[in-house]
Amino acid sequence: MLNTAKKSARVMNIIHDSIVDGPGLRTVIFFAGCEHRCKGCHNPESWNYQNGSEMTVEQILAEIKANPITNVTFSGGDPFFQADVVIDLAKLVKDLGKNLWVYTGYTLEQIQVNNRYDELLKYVDVLVDGPFIESEKDYSIDFRGSRNQKIHYLSPR
């Protein structure tokens, strides 16, 4: 069992029953903090880590459990900005048997060279990577905002 009693994250919002942040119905956790600052970002208020509210891992997990039929997506901001806490939450999400998608402005290659992120990747089923590039914006592609972003299936789930 993880000791998450004192761990907390800055959360911008939690949306239940999303159909645009991965397949099916999803509970989406929007974390605060992002260093990418993509021009045309649909959520620029999430760049500032001080925005949003402080939530414990247990509070976030309770929100996820409150909607038992949904899978889970971590978005932001950038979840990797708060990787130390997000790792613990991701493990608990997987313990619930949920499928986990994570959106990040980093590329998979950038993540793989940073040992700090190895643990988080172990729990991610699908990673949507890359910064939003306004000149490549495309509303016709599923689950991405711009054509440069890639969907990486990291597990058979």
C-alpha atoms as a PDB file:
ATOM      1  CA  MET A   1       0.000   0.000   0.000  1.00  0.00           C
ATOM      2  CA  LEU A   2       1.308   3.440  -0.912  1.00  0.00           C
ATOM      3  CA  ASN A   3       1.736   6.033   1.795  1.00  0.00           C
ATOM      4  CA  THR A   4      -0.073   8.938   0.139  1.00  0.00           C
ATOM      5  CA  ALA A   5      -1.501  10.510   3.303  1.00  0.00           C
ATOM      6  CA  LYS A   6       0.414  13.780   2.912  1.00  0.00           C
ATOM      7  CA  LYS A   7       0.924  13.859  -0.847  1.00  0.00           C
ATOM      8  CA  SER A   8      -1.002  16.450  -2.792  1.00  0.00           C
ATOM      9  CA  ALA A   9      -1.120  17.989  -6.250  1.00  0.00           C
ATOM     10  CA  ARG A  10      -2.331  21.248  -7.759  1.00  0.00           C
ATOM     11  CA  VAL A  11      -5.451  20.459  -9.778  1.00  0.00           C
ATOM     12  CA  MET A  12      -7.173  22.872 -12.160  1.00  0.00           C
ATOM     13  CA  ASN A  13     -10.312  20.813 -12.638  1.00  0.00           C
ATOM     14  CA  ILE A  14     -11.782  17.321 -12.715  1.00  0.00           C
ATOM     15  CA  ILE A  15     -14.265  16.499 -15.467  1.00  0.00           C
ATOM     16  CA  HIS A  16     -16.442  13.392 -15.379  1.00  0.00           C
ATOM     17  CA  ASP A  17     -17.792  11.603 -18.454  1.00  0.00           C
ATOM     18  CA  SER A  18     -15.505  13.269 -21.010  1.00  0.00           C
ATOM     19  CA  ILE A  19     -15.660  11.772 -24.494  1.00  0.00           C
ATOM     20  CA  VAL A  20     -12.864  13.841 -26.075  1.00  0.00           C
ATOM     21  CA  ASP A  21      -9.847  12.898 -23.912  1.00  0.00           C
ATOM     22  CA  GLY A  22      -9.583   9.261 -24.933  1.00  0.00           C
ATOM     23  CA  PRO A  23     -12.074   6.571 -25.962  1.00  0.00           C
ATOM     24  CA  GLY A  24     -15.288   5.989 -24.058  1.00  0.00           C
ATOM     25  CA  LEU A  25     -16.340   7.859 -20.944  1.00  0.00           C
ATOM     26  CA  ARG A  26     -13.398   9.202 -18.955  1.00  0.00           C
ATOM     27  CA  THR A  27     -12.695  11.030 -15.730  1.00  0.00           C
ATOM     28  CA  VAL A  28     -10.132  13.685 -16.620  1.00  0.00           C
ATOM     29  CA  ILE A  29      -7.780  15.228 -14.075  1.00  0.00           C
ATOM     30  CA  PHE A  30      -6.380  18.571 -15.274  1.00  0.00           C
ATOM     31  CA  PHE A  31      -3.162  19.243 -13.349  1.00  0.00           C
ATOM     32  CA  ALA A  32      -1.696  22.725 -12.866  1.00  0.00           C
ATOM     33  CA  GLY A  33       1.761  23.643 -14.088  1.00  0.00           C
ATOM     34  CA  CYS A  34       3.251  23.592 -17.565  1.00  0.00           C
ATOM     35  CA  GLU A  35       6.533  24.872 -18.903  1.00  0.00           C
ATOM     36  CA  HIS A  36       5.705  24.354 -22.592  1.00  0.00           C
ATOM     37  CA  ARG A  37       3.496  27.468 -22.907  1.00  0.00           C
ATOM     38  CA  CYS A  38       2.256  26.498 -26.356  1.00  0.00           C
ATOM     39  CA  LYS A  39       0.920  29.363 -28.458  1.00  0.00           C
ATOM     40  CA  GLY A  40      -2.826  28.844 -28.885  1.00  0.00           C
ATOM     41  CA  CYS A  41      -3.104  26.545 -25.854  1.00  0.00           C
ATOM     42  CA  HIS A  42      -6.770  25.951 -24.937  1.00  0.00           C
ATOM     43  CA  ASN A  43      -5.915  26.014 -21.224  1.00  0.00           C
ATOM     44  CA  PRO A  44      -3.247  28.730 -20.618  1.00  0.00           C
ATOM     45  CA  GLU A  45      -4.432  29.347 -17.051  1.00  0.00           C
ATOM     46  CA  SER A  46      -3.045  25.883 -16.290  1.00  0.00           C
ATOM     47  CA  TRP A  47       0.532  27.008 -16.978  1.00  0.00           C
ATOM     48  CA  ASN A  48       0.838  28.572 -13.533  1.00  0.00           C
ATOM     49  CA  TYR A  49       1.422  25.942 -10.863  1.00  0.00           C
ATOM     50  CA  GLN A  50      -0.208  28.210  -8.266  1.00  0.00           C
ATOM     51  CA  ASN A  51      -3.557  28.150 -10.093  1.00  0.00           C
ATOM     52  CA  GLY A  52      -6.182  25.584  -9.284  1.00  0.00           C
ATOM     53  CA  SER A  53      -6.515  24.039  -5.864  1.00  0.00           C
ATOM     54  CA  GLU A  54      -4.466  21.722  -3.707  1.00  0.00           C
ATOM     55  CA  MET A  55      -5.919  18.206  -3.565  1.00  0.00           C
ATOM     56  CA  THR A  56      -4.566  15.156  -1.790  1.00  0.00           C
ATOM     57  CA  VAL A  57      -4.016  11.956  -3.709  1.00  0.00           C
ATOM     58  CA  GLU A  58      -6.893  10.471  -1.689  1.00  0.00           C
ATOM     59  CA  GLN A  59      -9.248  13.305  -2.709  1.00  0.00           C
ATOM     60  CA  ILE A  60      -8.380  12.888  -6.384  1.00  0.00           C
ATOM     61  CA  LEU A  61      -8.774   9.121  -6.115  1.00  0.00           C
ATOM     62  CA  ALA A  62     -12.187   9.583  -4.463  1.00  0.00           C
ATOM     63  CA  GLU A  63     -13.299  11.626  -7.493  1.00  0.00           C
ATOM     64  CA  ILE A  64     -12.142   8.818  -9.779  1.00  0.00           C
ATOM     65  CA  LYS A  65     -13.906   6.168  -7.681  1.00  0.00           C
ATOM     66  CA  ALA A  66     -17.104   8.253  -7.628  1.00  0.00           C
ATOM     67  CA  ASN A  67     -17.559   7.426 -11.292  1.00  0.00           C
ATOM     68  CA  PRO A  68     -16.868   3.662 -11.470  1.00  0.00           C
ATOM     69  CA  ILE A  69     -17.759   3.153 -15.139  1.00  0.00           C
ATOM     70  CA  THR A  70     -15.193   5.602 -16.497  1.00  0.00           C
ATOM     71  CA  ASN A  71     -11.542   5.178 -17.348  1.00  0.00           C
ATOM     72  CA  VAL A  72      -9.047   7.937 -16.541  1.00  0.00           C
ATOM     73  CA  THR A  73      -7.084  10.631 -18.366  1.00  0.00           C
ATOM     74  CA  PHE A  74      -4.400  12.881 -16.887  1.00  0.00           C
ATOM     75  CA  SER A  75      -4.045  16.219 -18.684  1.00  0.00           C
ATOM     76  CA  GLY A  76      -3.133  19.744 -17.776  1.00  0.00           C
ATOM     77  CA  GLY A  77      -1.084  21.807 -17.741  1.00  0.00           C
ATOM     78  CA  ASP A  78       1.282  18.886 -17.964  1.00  0.00           C
ATOM     79  CA  PRO A  79       1.003  15.928 -15.575  1.00  0.00           C
ATOM     80  CA  PHE A  80       4.757  15.348 -15.862  1.00  0.00           C
ATOM     81  CA  PHE A  81       5.282  18.745 -14.178  1.00  0.00           C
ATOM     82  CA  GLN A  82       4.051  17.090 -10.948  1.00  0.00           C
ATOM     83  CA  ALA A  83       5.427  13.637 -11.726  1.00  0.00           C
ATOM     84  CA  ASP A  84       6.333  12.714  -8.136  1.00  0.00           C
ATOM     85  CA  VAL A  85       2.683  12.838  -7.031  1.00  0.00           C
ATOM     86  CA  VAL A  86       1.185  11.755 -10.354  1.00  0.00           C
ATOM     87  CA  ILE A  87       3.221   8.513 -10.192  1.00  0.00           C
ATOM     88  CA  ASP A  88       1.466   7.519  -6.954  1.00  0.00           C
ATOM     89  CA  LEU A  89      -1.935   8.431  -8.343  1.00  0.00           C
ATOM     90  CA  ALA A  90      -1.260   6.508 -11.575  1.00  0.00           C
ATOM     91  CA  LYS A  91      -0.388   3.373  -9.596  1.00  0.00           C
ATOM     92  CA  LEU A  92      -3.641   3.646  -7.634  1.00  0.00           C
ATOM     93  CA  VAL A  93      -5.612   4.161 -10.871  1.00  0.00           C
ATOM     94  CA  LYS A  94      -4.093   0.979 -12.281  1.00  0.00           C
ATOM     95  CA  ASP A  95      -4.854  -0.862  -9.009  1.00  0.00           C
ATOM     96  CA  LEU A  96      -8.522  -0.011  -9.702  1.00  0.00           C
ATOM     97  CA  GLY A  97      -8.226  -1.725 -13.095  1.00  0.00           C
ATOM     98  CA  LYS A  98      -8.681   1.512 -15.029  1.00  0.00           C
ATOM     99  CA  ASN A  99      -7.246   2.325 -18.443  1.00  0.00           C
ATOM    100  CA  LEU A 100      -4.984   5.411 -18.155  1.00  0.00           C
ATOM    101  CA  TRP A 101      -4.280   7.973 -20.860  1.00  0.00           C
ATOM    102  CA  VAL A 102      -1.791  10.803 -20.241  1.00  0.00           C
ATOM    103  CA  TYR A 103      -1.413  13.983 -22.288  1.00  0.00           C
ATOM    104  CA  THR A 104       1.935  15.793 -22.245  1.00  0.00           C
ATOM    105  CA  GLY A 105       3.741  18.496 -24.177  1.00  0.00           C
ATOM    106  CA  TYR A 106       6.942  16.467 -23.953  1.00  0.00           C
ATOM    107  CA  THR A 107       7.715  13.921 -26.653  1.00  0.00           C
ATOM    108  CA  LEU A 108       8.055  10.276 -25.717  1.00  0.00           C
ATOM    109  CA  GLU A 109      11.753  10.536 -26.563  1.00  0.00           C
ATOM    110  CA  GLN A 110      12.212  13.445 -24.128  1.00  0.00           C
ATOM    111  CA  ILE A 111      10.419  11.479 -21.416  1.00  0.00           C
ATOM    112  CA  GLN A 112      12.465   8.332 -21.978  1.00  0.00           C
ATOM    113  CA  VAL A 113      15.786  10.110 -21.391  1.00  0.00           C
ATOM    114  CA  ASN A 114      14.632  11.491 -18.018  1.00  0.00           C
ATOM    115  CA  ASN A 115      14.931   8.801 -15.330  1.00  0.00           C
ATOM    116  CA  ARG A 116      12.520  10.785 -13.144  1.00  0.00           C
ATOM    117  CA  TYR A 117       9.680   9.782 -15.486  1.00  0.00           C
ATOM    118  CA  ASP A 118      10.413   6.046 -15.872  1.00  0.00           C
ATOM    119  CA  GLU A 119       8.128   5.053 -13.009  1.00  0.00           C
ATOM    120  CA  LEU A 120       5.170   7.050 -14.358  1.00  0.00           C
ATOM    121  CA  LEU A 121       5.450   5.521 -17.836  1.00  0.00           C
ATOM    122  CA  LYS A 122       5.064   2.036 -16.314  1.00  0.00           C
ATOM    123  CA  TYR A 123       1.434   2.831 -15.467  1.00  0.00           C
ATOM    124  CA  VAL A 124       0.425   4.656 -18.659  1.00  0.00           C
ATOM    125  CA  ASP A 125      -1.587   2.698 -21.210  1.00  0.00           C
ATOM    126  CA  VAL A 126      -1.657   5.459 -23.824  1.00  0.00           C
ATOM    127  CA  LEU A 127       0.524   8.556 -24.048  1.00  0.00           C
ATOM    128  CA  VAL A 128      -0.457  11.484 -26.251  1.00  0.00           C
ATOM    129  CA  ASP A 129       2.738  13.457 -26.672  1.00  0.00           C
ATOM    130  CA  GLY A 130       4.146  16.632 -28.150  1.00  0.00           C
ATOM    131  CA  PRO A 131       3.469  20.317 -27.798  1.00  0.00           C
ATOM    132  CA  PHE A 132       0.389  21.886 -29.319  1.00  0.00           C
ATOM    133  CA  ILE A 133       1.512  23.676 -32.490  1.00  0.00           C
ATOM    134  CA  GLU A 134      -1.045  26.219 -33.601  1.00  0.00           C
ATOM    135  CA  SER A 135      -0.043  26.077 -37.280  1.00  0.00           C
ATOM    136  CA  GLU A 136      -0.708  22.308 -37.220  1.00  0.00           C
ATOM    137  CA  LYS A 137      -4.087  22.552 -35.453  1.00  0.00           C
ATOM    138  CA  ASP A 138      -6.498  20.001 -36.862  1.00  0.00           C
ATOM    139  CA  TYR A 139      -9.969  19.320 -35.458  1.00  0.00           C
ATOM    140  CA  SER A 140     -10.450  16.289 -37.708  1.00  0.00           C
ATOM    141  CA  ILE A 141      -7.966  14.041 -35.874  1.00  0.00           C
ATOM    142  CA  ASP A 142      -9.064  12.044 -32.855  1.00  0.00           C
ATOM    143  CA  PHE A 143      -7.804  12.862 -29.360  1.00  0.00           C
ATOM    144  CA  ARG A 144      -5.174  15.423 -30.445  1.00  0.00           C
ATOM    145  CA  GLY A 145      -5.106  19.144 -31.047  1.00  0.00           C
ATOM    146  CA  SER A 146      -2.369  19.351 -33.672  1.00  0.00           C
ATOM    147  CA  ARG A 147      -0.995  16.995 -36.323  1.00  0.00           C
ATOM    148  CA  ASN A 148       2.480  16.792 -34.741  1.00  0.00           C
ATOM    149  CA  GLN A 149       1.111  15.137 -31.604  1.00  0.00           C
ATOM    150  CA  LYS A 150       1.375  11.350 -31.518  1.00  0.00           C
ATOM    151  CA  ILE A 151      -0.606   8.635 -29.794  1.00  0.00           C
ATOM    152  CA  HIS A 152       1.645   5.962 -28.265  1.00  0.00           C
ATOM    153  CA  TYR A 153       0.034   2.701 -27.171  1.00  0.00           C
ATOM    154  CA  LEU A 154       2.299   1.613 -24.297  1.00  0.00           C
ATOM    155  CA  SER A 155       0.283  -1.400 -23.150  1.00  0.00           C
ATOM    156  CA  PRO A 156      -2.145  -3.848 -24.752  1.00  0.00           C
ATOM    157  CA  ARG A 157      -5.042  -2.210 -22.822  1.00  0.00           C
END
